[in-house]
Amino acid sequence: MSEPTLKVEGWNPGEDVIEVTRTPAPGPARAAWRTFVETLRGLGTTFGRFRETPTTVQYPEQKTPVYPRFRGRHKLHKFEDTGLEKCVGCSLCAAACPSDCIRVVAAENTPENRISAGERYAAVYEINLSRCIFCGYCEVACPFDAITMGHEYELSDYDRTDLIFTKEMLLAEPLERAPLRSEGE
């Protein structure tokens, strides 16, 4: 019995296909050419930076400016007119947090003791900044804009337990604010 033969025809790409041409063709010449050109490009970048003068910032006295979209220390907000907390204890921020560093325990508001504008309020609100990755998901998930991330970046401490920010700490205004960069910086 004879083996069946497979008839293979040449593939014709058609008129709408554009053929890509490379210069030089793949091989040792192209590798040498690419190495030479990329080395010159890298040297151009190096020599371009060589003319720049170093900038020294006297850190404790001068704060490094941050960009407007910088995400730093968390802050809980209150309504300016009523003084009630914006957080209603819904725990959406804790659910959105990928590092599981937010803990919210909700409690019911009573008519004589009104803490927030909703039916509930956050009796316990804690953020463990040693676990936080400063992604901003808590800020995005909050439907009441109760939590935002400010521009304060000096958050280091000697004790890990001091990096757990409580509700009272988050409601307080930060001590100093870092300057913002202007449009040209």
Protein backbone atom coordinates (compact mmCIF):
# COMPACT_ATOMS: atom_id res chain seq x y z
CA MET A 1 0.00 0.00 0.00
CA SER A 2 1.36 3.39 -0.91
CA GLU A 3 1.63 6.27 1.51
CA PRO A 4 -0.77 9.15 0.88
CA THR A 5 1.00 12.28 -0.24
CA LEU A 6 0.11 15.64 1.13
CA LYS A 7 -0.10 18.35 -1.42
CA VAL A 8 1.30 21.59 0.00
CA GLU A 9 1.02 24.80 -1.93
CA GLY A 10 2.89 28.01 -1.26
CA TRP A 11 1.05 30.53 0.88
CA ASN A 12 0.09 33.73 -0.87
CA PRO A 13 -0.43 36.60 1.60
CA GLY A 14 -2.50 38.71 -0.76
CA GLU A 15 -2.34 42.37 -1.65
CA ASP A 16 -3.39 43.82 1.74
CA VAL A 17 -0.41 42.37 3.65
CA ILE A 18 2.66 44.58 4.07
CA GLU A 19 5.97 42.78 4.20
CA VAL A 20 8.25 43.93 6.99
CA THR A 21 11.85 44.39 5.96
CA ARG A 22 14.62 44.39 8.51
CA THR A 23 17.99 45.96 8.07
CA PRO A 24 20.37 44.28 8.36
CA ALA A 25 19.05 40.72 8.10
CA PRO A 26 19.05 38.63 11.29
CA GLY A 27 22.44 37.16 12.03
CA PRO A 28 25.86 38.20 13.29
CA ALA A 29 25.91 41.45 11.29
CA ARG A 30 22.64 42.58 12.83
CA ALA A 31 23.83 41.69 16.34
CA ALA A 32 27.02 43.71 15.88
CA TRP A 33 25.07 46.64 14.40
CA ARG A 34 22.55 46.62 17.25
CA THR A 35 25.27 46.41 19.89
CA PHE A 36 27.10 49.36 18.35
CA VAL A 37 23.99 51.55 17.98
CA GLU A 38 22.63 50.75 21.47
CA THR A 39 26.03 51.43 23.03
CA LEU A 40 26.17 54.84 21.34
CA ARG A 41 22.63 55.60 22.50
CA GLY A 42 23.53 54.70 26.09
CA LEU A 43 26.67 56.82 25.96
CA GLY A 44 24.62 59.72 24.63
CA THR A 45 22.30 59.46 27.63
CA THR A 46 25.26 59.24 30.01
CA PHE A 47 27.05 62.24 28.55
CA GLY A 48 23.79 64.20 28.48
CA ARG A 49 23.39 63.64 32.23
CA PHE A 50 27.07 64.35 32.85
CA ARG A 51 26.52 68.09 32.34
CA GLU A 52 23.83 68.24 35.06
CA THR A 53 24.84 69.56 38.43
CA PRO A 54 23.87 67.60 41.55
CA THR A 55 21.05 68.96 43.69
CA THR A 56 21.31 68.60 47.44
CA VAL A 57 18.23 68.89 49.62
CA GLN A 58 18.84 69.57 53.31
CA TYR A 59 16.26 67.01 54.39
CA PRO A 60 15.14 67.75 57.92
CA GLU A 61 14.92 71.48 57.24
CA GLN A 62 13.68 71.24 53.64
CA LYS A 63 10.98 68.75 52.74
CA THR A 64 11.17 67.06 49.38
CA PRO A 65 8.19 68.18 47.28
CA VAL A 66 5.76 65.44 46.29
CA TYR A 67 3.55 65.17 43.25
CA PRO A 68 -0.16 66.05 43.59
CA ARG A 69 -1.22 62.42 43.09
CA PHE A 70 1.17 61.13 45.78
CA ARG A 71 -0.52 58.76 48.26
CA GLY A 72 0.74 59.16 51.80
CA ARG A 73 -0.84 59.20 55.27
CA HIS A 74 -4.53 58.25 55.51
CA LYS A 75 -7.06 60.72 56.88
CA LEU A 76 -10.66 60.31 57.99
CA HIS A 77 -12.97 63.27 57.42
CA LYS A 78 -15.92 64.90 59.14
CA PHE A 79 -18.66 67.09 57.69
CA GLU A 80 -17.63 70.72 58.12
CA ASP A 81 -21.12 72.04 58.85
CA THR A 82 -22.37 69.40 61.32
CA GLY A 83 -19.12 67.95 62.65
CA LEU A 84 -20.41 64.39 62.12
CA GLU A 85 -18.07 61.74 60.78
CA LYS A 86 -18.42 60.83 57.12
CA CYS A 87 -17.58 57.17 57.76
CA VAL A 88 -20.70 55.05 58.25
CA GLY A 89 -18.86 51.79 59.01
CA CYS A 90 -19.77 50.05 55.76
CA SER A 91 -16.35 48.29 55.59
CA LEU A 92 -16.03 48.70 51.83
CA CYS A 93 -12.54 50.09 52.33
CA ALA A 94 -11.55 46.99 54.31
CA ALA A 95 -13.03 44.73 51.63
CA ALA A 96 -11.14 46.55 48.86
CA CYS A 97 -7.79 46.49 50.69
CA PRO A 98 -5.47 43.90 49.06
CA SER A 99 -3.13 43.75 52.08
CA ASP A 100 -5.95 43.38 54.63
CA CYS A 101 -4.60 46.18 56.82
CA ILE A 102 -7.92 47.97 57.59
CA ARG A 103 -10.16 46.90 60.46
CA VAL A 104 -13.63 48.41 60.81
CA VAL A 105 -16.12 47.53 63.55
CA ALA A 106 -19.50 49.18 63.04
CA ALA A 107 -21.99 50.22 65.71
CA GLU A 108 -25.51 51.65 65.57
CA ASN A 109 -26.17 55.38 65.94
CA THR A 110 -28.66 56.39 68.62
CA PRO A 111 -30.73 59.58 68.56
CA GLU A 112 -29.05 60.92 71.72
CA ASN A 113 -25.52 59.90 70.62
CA ARG A 114 -25.15 60.67 66.91
CA ILE A 115 -21.64 60.03 65.57
CA SER A 116 -22.19 59.87 61.80
CA ALA A 117 -24.88 60.92 59.34
CA GLY A 118 -25.92 57.32 58.59
CA GLU A 119 -27.62 54.63 60.63
CA ARG A 120 -24.24 53.22 61.70
CA TYR A 121 -20.79 54.56 62.45
CA ALA A 122 -17.31 53.10 62.76
CA ALA A 123 -16.82 52.36 66.45
CA VAL A 124 -13.34 51.00 65.65
CA TYR A 125 -11.36 52.09 62.61
CA GLU A 126 -7.73 50.98 62.45
CA ILE A 127 -5.15 50.94 59.68
CA ASN A 128 -1.96 48.96 60.15
CA LEU A 129 0.56 51.07 58.23
CA SER A 130 3.25 48.41 58.53
CA ARG A 131 1.11 46.25 56.22
CA CYS A 132 -0.34 49.02 54.03
CA ILE A 133 0.98 49.20 50.46
CA PHE A 134 -0.49 52.69 49.86
CA CYS A 135 -2.41 51.57 46.78
CA GLY A 136 -5.35 53.93 47.31
CA TYR A 137 -8.05 51.27 46.89
CA CYS A 138 -9.62 52.26 50.22
CA GLU A 139 -9.97 55.81 48.98
CA VAL A 140 -11.57 54.68 45.71
CA ALA A 141 -13.93 52.19 47.39
CA CYS A 142 -15.38 54.68 49.90
CA PRO A 143 -18.78 55.93 48.62
CA PHE A 144 -18.81 58.85 51.11
CA ASP A 145 -15.25 60.18 50.58
CA ALA A 146 -14.67 59.53 54.27
CA ILE A 147 -11.06 58.38 53.85
CA THR A 148 -8.42 60.05 51.72
CA MET A 149 -4.69 59.77 51.40
CA GLY A 150 -2.70 62.91 52.04
CA HIS A 151 0.82 64.00 51.19
CA GLU A 152 2.57 63.24 54.47
CA TYR A 153 5.35 60.71 53.92
CA GLU A 154 7.25 60.74 57.22
CA LEU A 155 5.60 57.72 58.81
CA SER A 156 8.53 55.79 60.26
CA ASP A 157 8.59 54.73 63.88
CA TYR A 158 10.70 52.65 66.26
CA ASP A 159 7.89 50.38 67.42
CA ARG A 160 5.64 48.38 65.13
CA THR A 161 2.61 48.89 67.36
CA ASP A 162 2.90 52.66 66.87
CA LEU A 163 2.19 52.13 63.16
CA ILE A 164 -1.38 51.04 63.86
CA PHE A 165 -3.36 54.24 63.33
CA THR A 166 -6.61 54.41 65.29
CA LYS A 167 -9.74 56.35 64.43
CA GLU A 168 -8.70 59.27 66.64
CA MET A 169 -5.28 59.45 64.97
CA LEU A 170 -6.84 59.34 61.50
CA LEU A 171 -9.34 62.09 62.36
CA ALA A 172 -6.56 64.37 63.64
CA GLU A 173 -4.82 66.79 61.29
CA PRO A 174 -1.23 65.77 60.43
CA LEU A 175 1.51 67.81 62.12
CA GLU A 176 3.29 69.08 59.00
CA ARG A 177 2.38 68.81 55.37
CA ALA A 178 4.90 68.06 52.67
CA PRO A 179 5.08 70.67 49.90
CA LEU A 180 3.59 69.93 46.50
CA ARG A 181 5.58 70.12 43.31
CA SER A 182 4.62 72.84 40.90
CA GLU A 183 3.69 72.12 37.28
CA GLY A 184 7.22 72.70 35.98
CA GLU A 185 9.04 70.37 38.41
